[in-house]
C-alpha atoms as a PDB file:
ATOM      1  CA  MET A   1      79.204 101.537  67.166  1.00  0.00           C
ATOM      2  CA  PHE A   2      82.181 100.763  64.952  1.00  0.00           C
ATOM      3  CA  CYS A   3      83.117  97.802  62.765  1.00  0.00           C
ATOM      4  CA  TYR A   4      85.843  95.675  64.301  1.00  0.00           C
ATOM      5  CA  ASN A   5      87.288  94.884  60.882  1.00  0.00           C
ATOM      6  CA  CYS A   6      87.461  98.226  59.053  1.00  0.00           C
ATOM      7  CA  GLY A   7      86.748 100.724  61.859  1.00  0.00           C
ATOM      8  CA  LYS A   8      83.921 102.521  60.043  1.00  0.00           C
ATOM      9  CA  GLU A   9      80.895 103.681  61.996  1.00  0.00           C
ATOM     10  CA  ILE A  10      77.888 101.382  61.646  1.00  0.00           C
ATOM     11  CA  GLY A  11      74.345 101.305  62.958  1.00  0.00           C
ATOM     12  CA  GLU A  12      73.469  99.902  66.338  1.00  0.00           C
ATOM     13  CA  HIS A  13      71.512  96.904  65.033  1.00  0.00           C
ATOM     14  CA  THR A  14      73.706  96.200  62.002  1.00  0.00           C
ATOM     15  CA  ILE A  15      74.511  92.539  61.405  1.00  0.00           C
ATOM     16  CA  ILE A  16      76.884  92.934  58.431  1.00  0.00           C
ATOM     17  CA  CYS A  17      79.165  95.935  57.829  1.00  0.00           C
ATOM     18  CA  ASN A  18      78.159  97.863  54.696  1.00  0.00           C
ATOM     19  CA  ASN A  19      81.762  98.901  53.999  1.00  0.00           C
ATOM     20  CA  CYS A  20      83.742  95.642  54.293  1.00  0.00           C
ATOM     21  CA  GLY A  21      81.053  92.942  54.577  1.00  0.00           C
ATOM     22  CA  ALA A  22      82.308  91.565  57.900  1.00  0.00           C
ATOM     23  CA  LYS A  23      79.836  89.983  60.290  1.00  0.00           C
ATOM     24  CA  ILE A  24      79.286  92.062  63.395  1.00  0.00           C
ATOM     25  CA  LYS A  25      79.284  89.979  66.560  1.00  0.00           C
ATOM     26  CA  LYS A  26      78.320  91.405  69.878  1.00  0.00           C
ATOM     27  CA  SER A  27      80.224  89.624  72.600  1.00  0.00           C
ATOM     28  CA  TYR A  28      79.556  89.626  76.325  1.00  0.00           C
ATOM     29  CA  ASN A  29      81.436  92.128  78.421  1.00  0.00           C
ATOM     30  CA  LEU A  30      83.908  90.184  80.541  1.00  0.00           C
ATOM     31  CA  LEU A  31      83.700  92.493  83.562  1.00  0.00           C
ATOM     32  CA  SER A  32      79.923  92.168  83.738  1.00  0.00           C
ATOM     33  CA  LEU A  33      80.243  88.376  83.770  1.00  0.00           C
ATOM     34  CA  VAL A  34      83.029  88.435  86.390  1.00  0.00           C
ATOM     35  CA  GLY A  35      81.072  90.950  88.474  1.00  0.00           C
ATOM     36  CA  PHE A  36      77.959  88.782  88.414  1.00  0.00           C
ATOM     37  CA  ILE A  37      79.848  85.671  89.515  1.00  0.00           C
ATOM     38  CA  CYS A  38      81.857  87.517  92.169  1.00  0.00           C
ATOM     39  CA  SER A  39      78.740  89.155  93.598  1.00  0.00           C
ATOM     40  CA  PHE A  40      77.890  85.834  95.270  1.00  0.00           C
ATOM     41  CA  ILE A  41      81.395  85.091  96.580  1.00  0.00           C
ATOM     42  CA  LEU A  42      83.364  88.325  96.965  1.00  0.00           C
ATOM     43  CA  VAL A  43      80.765  91.020  97.400  1.00  0.00           C
ATOM     44  CA  ILE A  44      82.774  94.248  97.120  1.00  0.00           C
ATOM     45  CA  PRO A  45      84.937  93.206  94.127  1.00  0.00           C
ATOM     46  CA  GLY A  46      81.742  91.907  92.505  1.00  0.00           C
ATOM     47  CA  LEU A  47      80.102  95.290  92.937  1.00  0.00           C
ATOM     48  CA  VAL A  48      83.116  97.134  91.521  1.00  0.00           C
ATOM     49  CA  CYS A  49      83.413  94.819  88.497  1.00  0.00           C
ATOM     50  CA  SER A  50      79.682  95.031  87.810  1.00  0.00           C
ATOM     51  CA  ILE A  51      79.681  98.838  87.909  1.00  0.00           C
ATOM     52  CA  ILE A  52      82.727  99.087  85.622  1.00  0.00           C
ATOM     53  CA  GLY A  53      81.228  96.506  83.258  1.00  0.00           C
ATOM     54  CA  PHE A  54      77.916  98.381  83.181  1.00  0.00           C
ATOM     55  CA  LEU A  55      79.695 101.639  82.300  1.00  0.00           C
ATOM     56  CA  GLU A  56      81.764  99.917  79.588  1.00  0.00           C
ATOM     57  CA  ILE A  57      78.650  98.382  78.062  1.00  0.00           C
ATOM     58  CA  GLN A  58      77.100 101.811  77.677  1.00  0.00           C
ATOM     59  CA  LYS A  59      80.164 102.924  75.682  1.00  0.00           C
ATOM     60  CA  THR A  60      80.843  99.787  73.618  1.00  0.00           C
ATOM     61  CA  ASN A  61      77.268  98.460  73.217  1.00  0.00           C
ATOM     62  CA  GLU A  62      78.319  94.900  74.113  1.00  0.00           C
ATOM     63  CA  LYS A  63      76.064  92.231  75.568  1.00  0.00           C
ATOM     64  CA  GLY A  64      75.812  91.672  79.319  1.00  0.00           C
ATOM     65  CA  LYS A  65      73.937  94.719  80.565  1.00  0.00           C
ATOM     66  CA  GLY A  66      71.533  92.479  82.478  1.00  0.00           C
ATOM     67  CA  LEU A  67      74.397  90.556  84.077  1.00  0.00           C
ATOM     68  CA  ALA A  68      76.046  93.778  85.194  1.00  0.00           C
ATOM     69  CA  LEU A  69      72.792  95.141  86.588  1.00  0.00           C
ATOM     70  CA  ALA A  70      72.071  91.879  88.415  1.00  0.00           C
ATOM     71  CA  GLY A  71      75.598  91.912  89.865  1.00  0.00           C
ATOM     72  CA  ILE A  72      75.082  95.468  91.123  1.00  0.00           C
ATOM     73  CA  ILE A  73      71.732  94.602  92.719  1.00  0.00           C
ATOM     74  CA  ILE A  74      72.920  91.359  94.328  1.00  0.00           C
ATOM     75  CA  SER A  75      76.138  92.894  95.660  1.00  0.00           C
ATOM     76  CA  SER A  76      74.322  95.935  97.048  1.00  0.00           C
ATOM     77  CA  PHE A  77      71.741  93.735  98.749  1.00  0.00           C
ATOM     78  CA  LEU A  78      74.370  91.462 100.297  1.00  0.00           C
ATOM     79  CA  ILE A  79      76.426  94.435 101.505  1.00  0.00           C
ATOM     80  CA  SER A  80      73.353  95.933 103.186  1.00  0.00           C
ATOM     81  CA  VAL A  81      72.540  92.571 104.826  1.00  0.00           C
ATOM     82  CA  LEU A  82      76.119  92.271 106.101  1.00  0.00           C
ATOM     83  CA  ILE A  83      75.987  95.804 107.528  1.00  0.00           C
ATOM     84  CA  VAL A  84      72.707  95.056 109.342  1.00  0.00           C
ATOM     85  CA  LEU A  85      74.131  91.810 110.739  1.00  0.00           C
ATOM     86  CA  LEU A  86      77.259  93.631 111.896  1.00  0.00           C
ATOM     87  CA  ILE A  87      75.155  96.264 113.675  1.00  0.00           C
ATOM     88  CA  ILE A  88      73.060  93.576 115.376  1.00  0.00           C
ATOM     89  CA  TYR A  89      76.223  91.756 116.468  1.00  0.00           C
ATOM     90  CA  LEU A  90      77.787  94.915 117.883  1.00  0.00           C
ATOM     91  CA  VAL A  91      74.625  95.850 119.783  1.00  0.00           C
ATOM     92  CA  ASN A  92      74.397  92.372 121.304  1.00  0.00           C
ATOM     93  CA  LEU A  93      78.099  92.417 122.132  1.00  0.00           C
ATOM     94  CA  SER A  94      77.733  95.638 124.102  1.00  0.00           C
ATOM     95  CA  ASN A  95      74.751  94.261 126.039  1.00  0.00           C
ATOM     96  CA  THR A  96      76.437  91.074 127.236  1.00  0.00           C
ATOM     97  CA  PRO A  97      77.556  91.132 130.857  1.00  0.00           C
ATOM     98  CA  GLY A  98      81.289  91.076 131.318  1.00  0.00           C
ATOM     99  CA  TYR A  99      83.434  90.319 134.311  1.00  0.00           C
ATOM    100  CA  PRO A 100      82.489  92.235 137.452  1.00  0.00           C
ATOM    101  CA  THR A 101      84.558  95.323 138.106  1.00  0.00           C
ATOM    102  CA  TYR A 102      84.385  95.038 141.889  1.00  0.00           C
ATOM    103  CA  PRO A 103      86.840  92.763 143.725  1.00  0.00           C
ATOM    104  CA  ASN A 104      85.542  89.291 144.338  1.00  0.00           C
ATOM    105  CA  TYR A 105      86.419  88.193 147.890  1.00  0.00           C
ATOM    106  CA  TYR A 106      84.533  84.904 147.708  1.00  0.00           C
ATOM    107  CA  TYR A 107      87.038  82.276 146.612  1.00  0.00           C
END
């Protein structure tokens, strides 16, 4: 992890930079927050944002790892539910009787 003020490398749990004295704030990763919110509304973009946010958090050590992980889990679950519902719909659609193929002479 690096200091945002002077750019020197600092420890992972450092609160104040030893070189310049600046306070080290860990902010939430924006993509993890967006991914978590979108996982309820727009499932696929929520999954993509959560995965990218999770990977960024591993590099930058920001907050929001739990939000990103929850977004990944919720989006994956909802996608699997939608796939199962689509399969059930398509199976029922193929089993419904359609119009008869033989000519109907009874008017």
